[in-house]
Full PDB file with SEQRES, HELIX, SHEET, SSBOND, CRYST1, ORIGX, SCALE, CONECT and MASTER records, all heavy atoms in Angstrom:
SEQRES   1 A   36  SER VAL THR LEU THR VAL PRO VAL THR ASN THR GLY ASP          
SEQRES   2 A   36  ARG GLU GLY THR GLU THR ILE GLN VAL TYR VAL LYS ALA          
SEQRES   3 A   36  LEU ASP TYR ALA GLU ALA PRO ILE LYS ASP                      
CRYST1    1.000    1.000    1.000  90.00  90.00  90.00 P 1           1          
ORIGX1      1.000000  0.000000  0.000000        0.00000                         
ORIGX2      0.000000  1.000000  0.000000        0.00000                         
ORIGX3      0.000000  0.000000  1.000000        0.00000                         
SCALE1      1.000000  0.000000  0.000000        0.00000                         
SCALE2      0.000000  1.000000  0.000000        0.00000                         
SCALE3      0.000000  0.000000  1.000000        0.00000                         
ATOM      1  N   SER A   1     155.344 105.046 106.054  1.00  0.00           N  
ATOM      2  CA  SER A   1     155.830 103.818 106.615  1.00  0.00           C  
ATOM      3  C   SER A   1     156.146 102.902 105.544  1.00  0.00           C  
ATOM      4  O   SER A   1     155.627 103.068 104.328  1.00  0.00           O  
ATOM      5  CB  SER A   1     154.798 103.194 107.557  1.00  0.00           C  
ATOM      6  OG  SER A   1     153.642 102.788 106.956  1.00  0.00           O  
ATOM      7  N   VAL A   2     156.920 101.827 105.774  1.00  0.00           N  
ATOM      8  CA  VAL A   2     157.186 100.808 104.930  1.00  0.00           C  
ATOM      9  C   VAL A   2     157.228  99.437 105.635  1.00  0.00           C  
ATOM     10  O   VAL A   2     157.623  99.369 106.823  1.00  0.00           O  
ATOM     11  CB  VAL A   2     158.628 101.031 104.266  1.00  0.00           C  
ATOM     12  CG1 VAL A   2     159.790 101.073 105.250  1.00  0.00           C  
ATOM     13  CG2 VAL A   2     158.924  99.988 103.154  1.00  0.00           C  
ATOM     14  N   THR A   3     156.669  98.474 104.911  1.00  0.00           N  
ATOM     15  CA  THR A   3     156.677  97.110 105.472  1.00  0.00           C  
ATOM     16  C   THR A   3     157.740  96.240 104.702  1.00  0.00           C  
ATOM     17  O   THR A   3     157.652  96.117 103.537  1.00  0.00           O  
ATOM     18  CB  THR A   3     155.332  96.435 105.261  1.00  0.00           C  
ATOM     19  OG1 THR A   3     154.264  97.298 105.927  1.00  0.00           O  
ATOM     20  CG2 THR A   3     155.249  95.044 105.897  1.00  0.00           C  
ATOM     21  N   LEU A   4     158.700  95.814 105.577  1.00  0.00           N  
ATOM     22  CA  LEU A   4     159.673  94.903 104.980  1.00  0.00           C  
ATOM     23  C   LEU A   4     159.208  93.484 105.114  1.00  0.00           C  
ATOM     24  O   LEU A   4     158.818  93.105 106.131  1.00  0.00           O  
ATOM     25  CB  LEU A   4     160.996  95.083 105.787  1.00  0.00           C  
ATOM     26  CG  LEU A   4     161.568  96.505 105.926  1.00  0.00           C  
ATOM     27  CD1 LEU A   4     162.752  96.521 106.768  1.00  0.00           C  
ATOM     28  CD2 LEU A   4     161.890  97.081 104.534  1.00  0.00           C  
ATOM     29  N   THR A   5     159.284  92.805 104.030  1.00  0.00           N  
ATOM     30  CA  THR A   5     158.832  91.327 103.959  1.00  0.00           C  
ATOM     31  C   THR A   5     159.969  90.508 103.630  1.00  0.00           C  
ATOM     32  O   THR A   5     160.568  90.661 102.526  1.00  0.00           O  
ATOM     33  CB  THR A   5     157.702  91.216 102.918  1.00  0.00           C  
ATOM     34  OG1 THR A   5     156.601  92.028 103.254  1.00  0.00           O  
ATOM     35  CG2 THR A   5     157.191  89.771 102.937  1.00  0.00           C  
ATOM     36  N   VAL A   6     160.367  89.733 104.554  1.00  0.00           N  
ATOM     37  CA  VAL A   6     161.582  88.887 104.417  1.00  0.00           C  
ATOM     38  C   VAL A   6     161.235  87.476 104.402  1.00  0.00           C  
ATOM     39  O   VAL A   6     160.779  86.831 105.344  1.00  0.00           O  
ATOM     40  CB  VAL A   6     162.659  89.114 105.531  1.00  0.00           C  
ATOM     41  CG1 VAL A   6     163.936  88.303 105.385  1.00  0.00           C  
ATOM     42  CG2 VAL A   6     162.973  90.610 105.684  1.00  0.00           C  
ATOM     43  N   PRO A   7     161.384  86.723 103.287  1.00  0.00           N  
ATOM     44  CA  PRO A   7     161.091  85.306 103.205  1.00  0.00           C  
ATOM     45  C   PRO A   7     162.121  84.499 103.970  1.00  0.00           C  
ATOM     46  O   PRO A   7     163.343  84.810 103.932  1.00  0.00           O  
ATOM     47  CB  PRO A   7     161.228  84.930 101.679  1.00  0.00           C  
ATOM     48  CG  PRO A   7     161.309  86.282 100.949  1.00  0.00           C  
ATOM     49  CD  PRO A   7     161.833  87.260 101.978  1.00  0.00           C  
ATOM     50  N   VAL A   8     161.653  83.560 104.748  1.00  0.00           N  
ATOM     51  CA  VAL A   8     162.519  82.691 105.646  1.00  0.00           C  
ATOM     52  C   VAL A   8     162.132  81.175 105.379  1.00  0.00           C  
ATOM     53  O   VAL A   8     160.950  80.933 105.332  1.00  0.00           O  
ATOM     54  CB  VAL A   8     162.366  83.103 107.105  1.00  0.00           C  
ATOM     55  CG1 VAL A   8     163.170  82.211 108.007  1.00  0.00           C  
ATOM     56  CG2 VAL A   8     162.672  84.606 107.304  1.00  0.00           C  
ATOM     57  N   THR A   9     163.157  80.362 105.264  1.00  0.00           N  
ATOM     58  CA  THR A   9     162.898  78.937 105.148  1.00  0.00           C  
ATOM     59  C   THR A   9     163.711  78.177 106.137  1.00  0.00           C  
ATOM     60  O   THR A   9     164.833  78.499 106.320  1.00  0.00           O  
ATOM     61  CB  THR A   9     163.267  78.490 103.745  1.00  0.00           C  
ATOM     62  OG1 THR A   9     162.543  79.234 102.781  1.00  0.00           O  
ATOM     63  CG2 THR A   9     163.056  76.993 103.538  1.00  0.00           C  
ATOM     64  N   ASN A  10     163.052  77.248 106.832  1.00  0.00           N  
ATOM     65  CA  ASN A  10     163.732  76.281 107.717  1.00  0.00           C  
ATOM     66  C   ASN A  10     164.400  75.272 106.921  1.00  0.00           C  
ATOM     67  O   ASN A  10     163.831  74.402 106.383  1.00  0.00           O  
ATOM     68  CB  ASN A  10     162.873  75.759 108.734  1.00  0.00           C  
ATOM     69  CG  ASN A  10     163.599  74.826 109.768  1.00  0.00           C  
ATOM     70  OD1 ASN A  10     164.670  74.469 109.580  1.00  0.00           O  
ATOM     71  ND2 ASN A  10     162.847  74.455 110.837  1.00  0.00           N  
ATOM     72  N   THR A  11     165.782  75.406 106.680  1.00  0.00           N  
ATOM     73  CA  THR A  11     166.441  74.424 105.887  1.00  0.00           C  
ATOM     74  C   THR A  11     167.009  73.282 106.711  1.00  0.00           C  
ATOM     75  O   THR A  11     167.641  72.352 106.201  1.00  0.00           O  
ATOM     76  CB  THR A  11     167.597  75.155 105.199  1.00  0.00           C  
ATOM     77  OG1 THR A  11     168.427  75.679 106.148  1.00  0.00           O  
ATOM     78  CG2 THR A  11     167.146  76.178 104.217  1.00  0.00           C  
ATOM     79  N   GLY A  12     166.729  73.204 107.982  1.00  0.00           N  
ATOM     80  CA  GLY A  12     167.172  72.166 108.869  1.00  0.00           C  
ATOM     81  C   GLY A  12     166.230  70.970 108.916  1.00  0.00           C  
ATOM     82  O   GLY A  12     165.200  70.897 108.228  1.00  0.00           O  
ATOM     83  N   ASP A  13     166.537  70.057 109.827  1.00  0.00           N  
ATOM     84  CA  ASP A  13     165.661  68.836 109.978  1.00  0.00           C  
ATOM     85  C   ASP A  13     164.893  68.822 111.282  1.00  0.00           C  
ATOM     86  O   ASP A  13     164.261  67.820 111.620  1.00  0.00           O  
ATOM     87  CB  ASP A  13     166.484  67.527 109.768  1.00  0.00           C  
ATOM     88  CG  ASP A  13     167.730  67.485 110.766  1.00  0.00           C  
ATOM     89  OD1 ASP A  13     167.780  68.413 111.667  1.00  0.00           O  
ATOM     90  OD2 ASP A  13     168.420  66.508 110.624  1.00  0.00           O  
ATOM     91  N   ARG A  14     164.894  69.984 111.888  1.00  0.00           N  
ATOM     92  CA  ARG A  14     164.102  70.160 113.217  1.00  0.00           C  
ATOM     93  C   ARG A  14     163.215  71.407 113.190  1.00  0.00           C  
ATOM     94  O   ARG A  14     163.604  72.328 112.508  1.00  0.00           O  
ATOM     95  CB  ARG A  14     165.063  70.285 114.384  1.00  0.00           C  
ATOM     96  CG  ARG A  14     165.908  69.099 114.712  1.00  0.00           C  
ATOM     97  CD  ARG A  14     166.709  69.314 115.893  1.00  0.00           C  
ATOM     98  NE  ARG A  14     167.550  68.141 116.144  1.00  0.00           N  
ATOM     99  CZ  ARG A  14     168.479  68.118 117.035  1.00  0.00           C  
ATOM    100  NH1 ARG A  14     168.846  69.165 117.675  1.00  0.00           N  
ATOM    101  NH2 ARG A  14     169.216  67.091 117.216  1.00  0.00           N  
ATOM    102  N   GLU A  15     162.234  71.392 113.945  1.00  0.00           N  
ATOM    103  CA  GLU A  15     161.325  72.591 114.011  1.00  0.00           C  
ATOM    104  C   GLU A  15     162.179  73.595 114.796  1.00  0.00           C  
ATOM    105  O   GLU A  15     162.997  73.279 115.690  1.00  0.00           O  
ATOM    106  CB  GLU A  15     160.084  72.234 114.844  1.00  0.00           C  
ATOM    107  CG  GLU A  15     159.186  73.392 114.907  1.00  0.00           C  
ATOM    108  CD  GLU A  15     157.740  72.987 115.549  1.00  0.00           C  
ATOM    109  OE1 GLU A  15     157.430  71.815 115.525  1.00  0.00           O  
ATOM    110  OE2 GLU A  15     157.115  73.911 115.945  1.00  0.00           O  
ATOM    111  N   GLY A  16     162.021  74.917 114.411  1.00  0.00           N  
ATOM    112  CA  GLY A  16     162.843  75.911 115.084  1.00  0.00           C  
ATOM    113  C   GLY A  16     162.221  77.287 115.055  1.00  0.00           C  
ATOM    114  O   GLY A  16     161.237  77.486 114.276  1.00  0.00           O  
ATOM    115  N   THR A  17     162.687  78.169 115.864  1.00  0.00           N  
ATOM    116  CA  THR A  17     162.208  79.530 115.853  1.00  0.00           C  
ATOM    117  C   THR A  17     163.356  80.398 115.377  1.00  0.00           C  
ATOM    118  O   THR A  17     164.518  80.273 115.814  1.00  0.00           O  
ATOM    119  CB  THR A  17     161.707  79.943 117.251  1.00  0.00           C  
ATOM    120  OG1 THR A  17     160.749  79.096 117.657  1.00  0.00           O  
ATOM    121  CG2 THR A  17     161.302  81.396 117.239  1.00  0.00           C  
ATOM    122  N   GLU A  18     163.060  81.275 114.484  1.00  0.00           N  
ATOM    123  CA  GLU A  18     164.066  82.244 114.007  1.00  0.00           C  
ATOM    124  C   GLU A  18     163.547  83.646 114.138  1.00  0.00           C  
ATOM    125  O   GLU A  18     162.355  83.978 114.121  1.00  0.00           O  
ATOM    126  CB  GLU A  18     164.273  82.036 112.381  1.00  0.00           C  
ATOM    127  CG  GLU A  18     165.363  82.934 111.754  1.00  0.00           C  
ATOM    128  CD  GLU A  18     166.701  82.552 112.416  1.00  0.00           C  
ATOM    129  OE1 GLU A  18     167.380  81.650 111.844  1.00  0.00           O  
ATOM    130  OE2 GLU A  18     167.112  83.153 113.406  1.00  0.00           O  
ATOM    131  N   THR A  19     164.431  84.532 114.533  1.00  0.00           N  
ATOM    132  CA  THR A  19     164.135  85.960 114.780  1.00  0.00           C  
ATOM    133  C   THR A  19     164.776  86.777 113.649  1.00  0.00           C  
ATOM    134  O   THR A  19     166.063  86.736 113.542  1.00  0.00           O  
ATOM    135  CB  THR A  19     164.593  86.446 116.116  1.00  0.00           C  
ATOM    136  OG1 THR A  19     164.079  85.636 117.137  1.00  0.00           O  
ATOM    137  CG2 THR A  19     164.280  87.897 116.394  1.00  0.00           C  
ATOM    138  N   ILE A  20     164.008  87.446 112.799  1.00  0.00           N  
ATOM    139  CA  ILE A  20     164.606  88.256 111.794  1.00  0.00           C  
ATOM    140  C   ILE A  20     164.695  89.664 112.447  1.00  0.00           C  
ATOM    141  O   ILE A  20     163.718  90.177 113.017  1.00  0.00           O  
ATOM    142  CB  ILE A  20     163.663  88.353 110.663  1.00  0.00           C  
ATOM    143  CG1 ILE A  20     163.583  86.926 109.965  1.00  0.00           C  
ATOM    144  CG2 ILE A  20     164.211  89.388 109.555  1.00  0.00           C  
ATOM    145  CD1 ILE A  20     164.931  86.350 109.536  1.00  0.00           C  
ATOM    146  N   GLN A  21     165.826  90.284 112.357  1.00  0.00           N  
ATOM    147  CA  GLN A  21     166.112  91.572 112.979  1.00  0.00           C  
ATOM    148  C   GLN A  21     166.315  92.576 111.888  1.00  0.00           C  
ATOM    149  O   GLN A  21     166.948  92.284 110.875  1.00  0.00           O  
ATOM    150  CB  GLN A  21     167.358  91.476 113.839  1.00  0.00           C  
ATOM    151  CG  GLN A  21     167.221  90.366 114.951  1.00  0.00           C  
ATOM    152  CD  GLN A  21     168.540  90.145 115.605  1.00  0.00           C  
ATOM    153  OE1 GLN A  21     169.417  90.966 115.695  1.00  0.00           O  
ATOM    154  NE2 GLN A  21     168.602  88.906 116.148  1.00  0.00           N  
ATOM    155  N   VAL A  22     165.959  93.827 112.170  1.00  0.00           N  
ATOM    156  CA  VAL A  22     166.046  94.968 111.185  1.00  0.00           C  
ATOM    157  C   VAL A  22     166.865  96.050 111.902  1.00  0.00           C  
ATOM    158  O   VAL A  22     166.410  96.507 113.015  1.00  0.00           O  
ATOM    159  CB  VAL A  22     164.808  95.428 110.648  1.00  0.00           C  
ATOM    160  CG1 VAL A  22     164.986  96.711 109.804  1.00  0.00           C  
ATOM    161  CG2 VAL A  22     164.052  94.432 109.853  1.00  0.00           C  
ATOM    162  N   TYR A  23     167.959  96.527 111.279  1.00  0.00           N  
ATOM    163  CA  TYR A  23     168.755  97.582 111.773  1.00  0.00           C  
ATOM    164  C   TYR A  23     168.783  98.665 110.799  1.00  0.00           C  
ATOM    165  O   TYR A  23     168.702  98.513 109.619  1.00  0.00           O  
ATOM    166  CB  TYR A  23     170.227  97.074 112.083  1.00  0.00           C  
ATOM    167  CG  TYR A  23     170.282  96.091 113.134  1.00  0.00           C  
ATOM    168  CD1 TYR A  23     170.093  94.710 112.788  1.00  0.00           C  
ATOM    169  CD2 TYR A  23     170.543  96.330 114.449  1.00  0.00           C  
ATOM    170  CE1 TYR A  23     170.222  93.696 113.760  1.00  0.00           C  
ATOM    171  CE2 TYR A  23     170.659  95.440 115.432  1.00  0.00           C  
ATOM    172  CZ  TYR A  23     170.484  94.064 115.040  1.00  0.00           C  
ATOM    173  OH  TYR A  23     170.506  93.107 116.059  1.00  0.00           O  
ATOM    174  N   VAL A  24     168.883  99.912 111.312  1.00  0.00           N  
ATOM    175  CA  VAL A  24     168.999 101.127 110.430  1.00  0.00           C  
ATOM    176  C   VAL A  24     170.274 101.821 110.776  1.00  0.00           C  
ATOM    177  O   VAL A  24     170.680 101.981 111.924  1.00  0.00           O  
ATOM    178  CB  VAL A  24     167.782 102.074 110.759  1.00  0.00           C  
ATOM    179  CG1 VAL A  24     167.969 103.337 109.992  1.00  0.00           C  
ATOM    180  CG2 VAL A  24     166.497 101.374 110.299  1.00  0.00           C  
ATOM    181  N   LYS A  25     171.010 102.283 109.718  1.00  0.00           N  
ATOM    182  CA  LYS A  25     172.163 103.050 109.776  1.00  0.00           C  
ATOM    183  C   LYS A  25     172.004 104.335 108.979  1.00  0.00           C  
ATOM    184  O   LYS A  25     171.676 104.261 107.774  1.00  0.00           O  
ATOM    185  CB  LYS A  25     173.416 102.282 109.222  1.00  0.00           C  
ATOM    186  CG  LYS A  25     174.739 103.090 109.214  1.00  0.00           C  
ATOM    187  CD  LYS A  25     175.774 102.254 108.574  1.00  0.00           C  
ATOM    188  CE  LYS A  25     177.082 103.144 108.584  1.00  0.00           C  
ATOM    189  NZ  LYS A  25     178.275 102.357 108.089  1.00  0.00           N  
ATOM    190  N   ALA A  26     172.153 105.506 109.637  1.00  0.00           N  
ATOM    191  CA  ALA A  26     172.074 106.785 109.015  1.00  0.00           C  
ATOM    192  C   ALA A  26     173.391 106.994 108.283  1.00  0.00           C  
ATOM    193  O   ALA A  26     174.442 107.090 108.866  1.00  0.00           O  
ATOM    194  CB  ALA A  26     171.760 107.910 109.928  1.00  0.00           C  
ATOM    195  N   LEU A  27     173.349 107.209 106.992  1.00  0.00           N  
ATOM    196  CA  LEU A  27     174.499 107.446 106.136  1.00  0.00           C  
ATOM    197  C   LEU A  27     174.901 108.931 106.171  1.00  0.00           C  
ATOM    198  O   LEU A  27     176.103 109.280 105.813  1.00  0.00           O  
ATOM    199  CB  LEU A  27     174.316 106.955 104.725  1.00  0.00           C  
ATOM    200  CG  LEU A  27     174.109 105.403 104.600  1.00  0.00           C  
ATOM    201  CD1 LEU A  27     173.772 104.985 103.250  1.00  0.00           C  
ATOM    202  CD2 LEU A  27     175.236 104.599 105.197  1.00  0.00           C  
ATOM    203  N   ASP A  28     173.945 109.821 106.380  1.00  0.00           N  
ATOM    204  CA  ASP A  28     174.241 111.312 106.294  1.00  0.00           C  
ATOM    205  C   ASP A  28     174.510 111.986 107.605  1.00  0.00           C  
ATOM    206  O   ASP A  28     174.624 113.199 107.713  1.00  0.00           O  
ATOM    207  CB  ASP A  28     173.038 112.074 105.604  1.00  0.00           C  
ATOM    208  CG  ASP A  28     172.914 111.558 104.150  1.00  0.00           C  
ATOM    209  OD1 ASP A  28     173.860 111.097 103.574  1.00  0.00           O  
ATOM    210  OD2 ASP A  28     171.702 111.664 103.652  1.00  0.00           O  
ATOM    211  N   TYR A  29     174.483 111.238 108.668  1.00  0.00           N  
ATOM    212  CA  TYR A  29     174.632 111.773 110.067  1.00  0.00           C  
ATOM    213  C   TYR A  29     175.802 111.028 110.822  1.00  0.00           C  
ATOM    214  O   TYR A  29     175.476 109.947 111.350  1.00  0.00           O  
ATOM    215  CB  TYR A  29     173.311 111.717 110.832  1.00  0.00           C  
ATOM    216  CG  TYR A  29     172.238 112.336 110.040  1.00  0.00           C  
ATOM    217  CD1 TYR A  29     171.303 111.672 109.367  1.00  0.00           C  
ATOM    218  CD2 TYR A  29     172.167 113.761 109.978  1.00  0.00           C  
ATOM    219  CE1 TYR A  29     170.208 112.246 108.672  1.00  0.00           C  
ATOM    220  CE2 TYR A  29     171.153 114.382 109.190  1.00  0.00           C  
ATOM    221  CZ  TYR A  29     170.181 113.620 108.639  1.00  0.00           C  
ATOM    222  OH  TYR A  29     169.225 114.314 107.874  1.00  0.00           O  
ATOM    223  N   ALA A  30     176.939 111.597 110.766  1.00  0.00           N  
ATOM    224  CA  ALA A  30     178.049 111.001 111.363  1.00  0.00           C  
ATOM    225  C   ALA A  30     177.847 110.694 112.908  1.00  0.00           C  
ATOM    226  O   ALA A  30     178.502 109.759 113.424  1.00  0.00           O  
ATOM    227  CB  ALA A  30     179.314 111.843 111.236  1.00  0.00           C  
ATOM    228  N   GLU A  31     177.079 111.529 113.570  1.00  0.00           N  
ATOM    229  CA  GLU A  31     176.860 111.327 114.975  1.00  0.00           C  
ATOM    230  C   GLU A  31     175.914 110.122 115.336  1.00  0.00           C  
ATOM    231  O   GLU A  31     175.702 109.735 116.504  1.00  0.00           O  
ATOM    232  CB  GLU A  31     176.319 112.628 115.675  1.00  0.00           C  
ATOM    233  CG  GLU A  31     175.010 113.054 115.237  1.00  0.00           C  
ATOM    234  CD  GLU A  31     174.862 113.822 113.876  1.00  0.00           C  
ATOM    235  OE1 GLU A  31     176.013 114.026 113.265  1.00  0.00           O  
ATOM    236  OE2 GLU A  31     173.877 114.203 113.525  1.00  0.00           O  
ATOM    237  N   ALA A  32     175.197 109.566 114.333  1.00  0.00           N  
ATOM    238  CA  ALA A  32     174.238 108.494 114.547  1.00  0.00           C  
ATOM    239  C   ALA A  32     175.065 107.194 114.873  1.00  0.00           C  
ATOM    240  O   ALA A  32     176.155 106.986 114.489  1.00  0.00           O  
ATOM    241  CB  ALA A  32     173.503 108.287 113.311  1.00  0.00           C  
ATOM    242  N   PRO A  33     174.383 106.303 115.623  1.00  0.00           N  
ATOM    243  CA  PRO A  33     175.118 104.972 115.927  1.00  0.00           C  
ATOM    244  C   PRO A  33     175.314 104.227 114.564  1.00  0.00           C  
ATOM    245  O   PRO A  33     174.767 104.459 113.564  1.00  0.00           O  
ATOM    246  CB  PRO A  33     174.011 104.205 116.730  1.00  0.00           C  
ATOM    247  CG  PRO A  33     173.123 105.241 117.300  1.00  0.00           C  
ATOM    248  CD  PRO A  33     173.110 106.394 116.240  1.00  0.00           C  
ATOM    249  N   ILE A  34     176.297 103.285 114.787  1.00  0.00           N  
ATOM    250  CA  ILE A  34     176.676 102.518 113.590  1.00  0.00           C  
ATOM    251  C   ILE A  34     175.467 101.760 113.031  1.00  0.00           C  
ATOM    252  O   ILE A  34     175.256 101.686 111.796  1.00  0.00           O  
ATOM    253  CB  ILE A  34     177.781 101.429 113.960  1.00  0.00           C  
ATOM    254  CG1 ILE A  34     179.015 102.205 114.230  1.00  0.00           C  
ATOM    255  CG2 ILE A  34     178.011 100.492 112.856  1.00  0.00           C  
ATOM    256  CD1 ILE A  34     180.145 101.315 114.908  1.00  0.00           C  
ATOM    257  N   LYS A  35     174.654 101.229 113.888  1.00  0.00           N  
ATOM    258  CA  LYS A  35     173.350 100.584 113.423  1.00  0.00           C  
ATOM    259  C   LYS A  35     172.492 100.472 114.696  1.00  0.00           C  
ATOM    260  O   LYS A  35     172.893 100.229 115.740  1.00  0.00           O  
ATOM    261  CB  LYS A  35     173.507  99.248 112.710  1.00  0.00           C  
ATOM    262  CG  LYS A  35     174.245  98.180 113.458  1.00  0.00           C  
ATOM    263  CD  LYS A  35     174.460  96.986 112.615  1.00  0.00           C  
ATOM    264  CE  LYS A  35     175.489  96.033 113.158  1.00  0.00           C  
ATOM    265  NZ  LYS A  35     176.048  95.161 112.352  1.00  0.00           N  
ATOM    266  N   ASP A  36     171.216 100.673 114.443  1.00  0.00           N  
ATOM    267  CA  ASP A  36     170.196 100.711 115.490  1.00  0.00           C  
ATOM    268  C   ASP A  36     169.139  99.559 115.223  1.00  0.00           C  
ATOM    269  O   ASP A  36     168.609  99.547 114.094  1.00  0.00           O  
ATOM    270  CB  ASP A  36     169.425 101.967 115.608  1.00  0.00           C  
ATOM    271  CG  ASP A  36     170.119 103.069 116.326  1.00  0.00           C  
ATOM    272  OD1 ASP A  36     170.963 102.861 117.220  1.00  0.00           O  
ATOM    273  OD2 ASP A  36     169.899 104.346 115.922  1.00  0.00           O  
TER     274      ASP A  36                                                      
MASTER        0    0    0    0    0    0    0    6  273    1    0    3          
END                                                                             
């Protein structure tokens, strides 16, 4: 397994919620979706 750690900063002037999304694209399998 691998843990991806993505730093996020609220650069705005209001409190907010951000959703960081992770997609995977298989480069060796043409039948795989563009990104999951």
